Amino acid sequence: MSTNLMTIKETAPLLKCSEVTLRRLIRAGKIGYKRIGSRYLFTQDHIQDFLNRVDVPPTEKGNGGRA
């Protein structure tokens, strides 16, 4: 398990989202974190788990992404 803890400010660019969006993901329970005092901290495992869950399968060719 990774012990390198990253702040919201450090994690948001890795996920290519804003700090506000990352805070929304935290409130929605969509990303794991550690809380120390008032700080939300993330490990590489938290980030990887989140990215694995949001992986979207490719759509079929020719339907423009519509089902």
N, C-alpha and C. Protein backbone atom coordinates (compact mmCIF):
# COMPACT_ATOMS: atom_id res chain seq x y z
N MET A 1 0.84 -1.18 0.00
CA MET A 1 0.00 0.00 0.00
C MET A 1 0.88 1.24 0.00
N SER A 2 0.50 2.20 -0.80
CA SER A 2 1.26 3.43 -0.91
C SER A 2 1.01 4.31 0.32
N THR A 3 2.06 4.93 0.84
CA THR A 3 1.92 5.80 2.00
C THR A 3 2.11 7.25 1.63
N ASN A 4 2.35 7.55 0.36
CA ASN A 4 2.50 8.93 -0.08
C ASN A 4 1.11 9.57 -0.12
N LEU A 5 0.86 10.52 0.78
CA LEU A 5 -0.44 11.18 0.86
C LEU A 5 -0.42 12.48 0.07
N MET A 6 -1.48 12.68 -0.72
CA MET A 6 -1.59 13.88 -1.55
C MET A 6 -2.83 14.67 -1.16
N THR A 7 -2.72 15.97 -1.24
CA THR A 7 -3.83 16.86 -0.91
C THR A 7 -4.80 16.96 -2.09
N ILE A 8 -5.91 17.64 -1.85
CA ILE A 8 -6.86 17.89 -2.94
C ILE A 8 -6.17 18.67 -4.05
N LYS A 9 -5.38 19.66 -3.68
CA LYS A 9 -4.68 20.50 -4.67
C LYS A 9 -3.73 19.67 -5.53
N GLU A 10 -3.09 18.66 -4.95
CA GLU A 10 -2.16 17.80 -5.69
C GLU A 10 -2.90 16.73 -6.51
N THR A 11 -4.04 16.27 -5.99
CA THR A 11 -4.76 15.16 -6.62
C THR A 11 -5.61 15.60 -7.81
N ALA A 12 -6.25 16.75 -7.72
CA ALA A 12 -7.14 17.22 -8.79
C ALA A 12 -6.46 17.22 -10.17
N PRO A 13 -5.24 17.75 -10.31
CA PRO A 13 -4.60 17.72 -11.63
C PRO A 13 -4.33 16.30 -12.15
N LEU A 14 -4.07 15.36 -11.24
CA LEU A 14 -3.84 13.98 -11.66
C LEU A 14 -5.10 13.38 -12.28
N LEU A 15 -6.26 13.80 -11.76
CA LEU A 15 -7.54 13.30 -12.27
C LEU A 15 -8.08 14.20 -13.39
N LYS A 16 -7.35 15.26 -13.68
CA LYS A 16 -7.74 16.22 -14.71
C LYS A 16 -9.13 16.80 -14.42
N CYS A 17 -9.30 17.19 -13.15
CA CYS A 17 -10.55 17.83 -12.74
C CYS A 17 -10.20 19.00 -11.82
N SER A 18 -11.21 19.81 -11.53
CA SER A 18 -10.98 20.94 -10.63
C SER A 18 -11.03 20.47 -9.17
N GLU A 19 -10.55 21.31 -8.29
CA GLU A 19 -10.62 20.99 -6.86
C GLU A 19 -12.07 20.91 -6.42
N VAL A 20 -12.93 21.74 -6.98
CA VAL A 20 -14.36 21.72 -6.66
C VAL A 20 -14.97 20.38 -7.05
N THR A 21 -14.65 19.89 -8.24
CA THR A 21 -15.16 18.59 -8.69
C THR A 21 -14.68 17.48 -7.78
N LEU A 22 -13.42 17.52 -7.38
CA LEU A 22 -12.88 16.50 -6.48
C LEU A 22 -13.61 16.53 -5.15
N ARG A 23 -13.92 17.71 -4.64
CA ARG A 23 -14.68 17.81 -3.38
C ARG A 23 -16.09 17.23 -3.56
N ARG A 24 -16.69 17.41 -4.73
CA ARG A 24 -18.00 16.82 -5.00
C ARG A 24 -17.92 15.29 -5.03
N LEU A 25 -16.84 14.76 -5.61
CA LEU A 25 -16.65 13.31 -5.63
C LEU A 25 -16.50 12.76 -4.21
N ILE A 26 -15.82 13.50 -3.35
CA ILE A 26 -15.66 13.10 -1.95
C ILE A 26 -17.04 13.06 -1.28
N ARG A 27 -17.81 14.15 -1.42
CA ARG A 27 -19.13 14.21 -0.78
C ARG A 27 -20.06 13.12 -1.29
N ALA A 28 -19.93 12.76 -2.57
CA ALA A 28 -20.79 11.73 -3.16
C ALA A 28 -20.31 10.32 -2.81
N GLY A 29 -19.16 10.22 -2.18
CA GLY A 29 -18.63 8.91 -1.80
C GLY A 29 -18.07 8.14 -2.99
N LYS A 30 -17.67 8.84 -4.04
CA LYS A 30 -17.18 8.19 -5.25
C LYS A 30 -15.68 7.97 -5.28
N ILE A 31 -14.97 8.59 -4.33
CA ILE A 31 -13.51 8.41 -4.27
C ILE A 31 -13.12 8.24 -2.80
N GLY A 32 -12.23 7.32 -2.55
CA GLY A 32 -11.75 7.08 -1.20
C GLY A 32 -10.75 8.15 -0.77
N TYR A 33 -10.61 8.31 0.51
CA TYR A 33 -9.67 9.30 1.05
C TYR A 33 -9.37 8.98 2.50
N LYS A 34 -8.38 9.65 3.03
CA LYS A 34 -8.08 9.62 4.46
C LYS A 34 -8.33 11.04 4.96
N ARG A 35 -8.88 11.13 6.14
CA ARG A 35 -9.13 12.47 6.68
C ARG A 35 -8.29 12.64 7.93
N ILE A 36 -7.48 13.67 7.92
CA ILE A 36 -6.65 14.01 9.08
C ILE A 36 -6.99 15.45 9.44
N GLY A 37 -7.67 15.61 10.56
CA GLY A 37 -8.17 16.94 10.92
C GLY A 37 -9.20 17.37 9.90
N SER A 38 -9.00 18.53 9.31
CA SER A 38 -9.93 19.01 8.29
C SER A 38 -9.41 18.73 6.87
N ARG A 39 -8.28 18.04 6.77
CA ARG A 39 -7.66 17.79 5.47
C ARG A 39 -8.09 16.45 4.89
N TYR A 40 -8.42 16.47 3.59
CA TYR A 40 -8.69 15.23 2.85
C TYR A 40 -7.41 14.85 2.13
N LEU A 41 -6.95 13.62 2.34
CA LEU A 41 -5.70 13.16 1.74
C LEU A 41 -5.96 11.88 0.97
N PHE A 42 -5.22 11.71 -0.13
CA PHE A 42 -5.42 10.60 -1.04
C PHE A 42 -4.12 9.84 -1.24
N THR A 43 -4.24 8.51 -1.33
CA THR A 43 -3.09 7.68 -1.68
C THR A 43 -3.20 7.34 -3.17
N GLN A 44 -2.15 6.81 -3.73
CA GLN A 44 -2.17 6.36 -5.11
C GLN A 44 -3.22 5.26 -5.28
N ASP A 45 -3.41 4.44 -4.26
CA ASP A 45 -4.43 3.39 -4.30
C ASP A 45 -5.83 3.97 -4.41
N HIS A 46 -6.12 5.05 -3.67
CA HIS A 46 -7.43 5.70 -3.77
C HIS A 46 -7.67 6.16 -5.21
N ILE A 47 -6.67 6.78 -5.80
CA ILE A 47 -6.80 7.31 -7.15
C ILE A 47 -6.99 6.18 -8.15
N GLN A 48 -6.19 5.13 -8.03
CA GLN A 48 -6.28 4.00 -8.97
C GLN A 48 -7.63 3.30 -8.85
N ASP A 49 -8.12 3.11 -7.63
CA ASP A 49 -9.43 2.47 -7.43
C ASP A 49 -10.53 3.30 -8.08
N PHE A 50 -10.47 4.62 -7.91
CA PHE A 50 -11.46 5.49 -8.53
C PHE A 50 -11.42 5.38 -10.05
N LEU A 51 -10.23 5.44 -10.63
CA LEU A 51 -10.09 5.37 -12.08
C LEU A 51 -10.56 4.02 -12.62
N ASN A 52 -10.33 2.95 -11.89
CA ASN A 52 -10.80 1.63 -12.33
C ASN A 52 -12.32 1.55 -12.34
N ARG A 53 -12.97 2.22 -11.40
CA ARG A 53 -14.43 2.18 -11.32
C ARG A 53 -15.09 3.03 -12.39
N VAL A 54 -14.46 4.10 -12.83
CA VAL A 54 -15.10 4.99 -13.81
C VAL A 54 -14.73 4.65 -15.24
N ASP A 55 -14.02 3.55 -15.43
CA ASP A 55 -13.63 3.11 -16.77
C ASP A 55 -14.88 2.81 -17.59
N VAL A 56 -15.01 3.45 -18.76
CA VAL A 56 -16.18 3.29 -19.60
C VAL A 56 -15.81 2.41 -20.79
N PRO A 57 -16.59 1.33 -21.03
CA PRO A 57 -16.28 0.47 -22.16
C PRO A 57 -16.54 1.19 -23.49
N PRO A 58 -15.81 0.83 -24.54
CA PRO A 58 -16.03 1.47 -25.83
C PRO A 58 -17.40 1.13 -26.39
N THR A 59 -17.94 2.06 -27.19
CA THR A 59 -19.24 1.82 -27.82
C THR A 59 -19.02 1.16 -29.17
N GLU A 60 -20.10 0.61 -29.71
CA GLU A 60 -20.01 -0.02 -31.03
C GLU A 60 -19.85 1.05 -32.09
N LYS A 61 -19.13 0.72 -33.15
CA LYS A 61 -18.93 1.63 -34.27
C LYS A 61 -20.26 1.84 -35.00
N GLY A 62 -20.43 3.04 -35.49
CA GLY A 62 -21.56 3.30 -36.37
C GLY A 62 -22.83 3.76 -35.68
N ASN A 63 -22.89 3.75 -34.36
CA ASN A 63 -24.12 4.20 -33.71
C ASN A 63 -23.95 5.57 -33.05
N GLY A 64 -22.83 6.19 -33.25
CA GLY A 64 -22.60 7.52 -32.71
C GLY A 64 -22.58 7.57 -31.19
N GLY A 65 -22.35 6.42 -30.57
CA GLY A 65 -22.31 6.37 -29.11
C GLY A 65 -23.68 6.18 -28.49
N ARG A 66 -24.71 6.06 -29.33
CA ARG A 66 -26.07 5.87 -28.81
C ARG A 66 -26.40 4.38 -28.71
N ALA A 67 -27.20 4.05 -27.73
CA ALA A 67 -27.60 2.65 -27.56
C ALA A 67 -28.72 2.26 -28.50
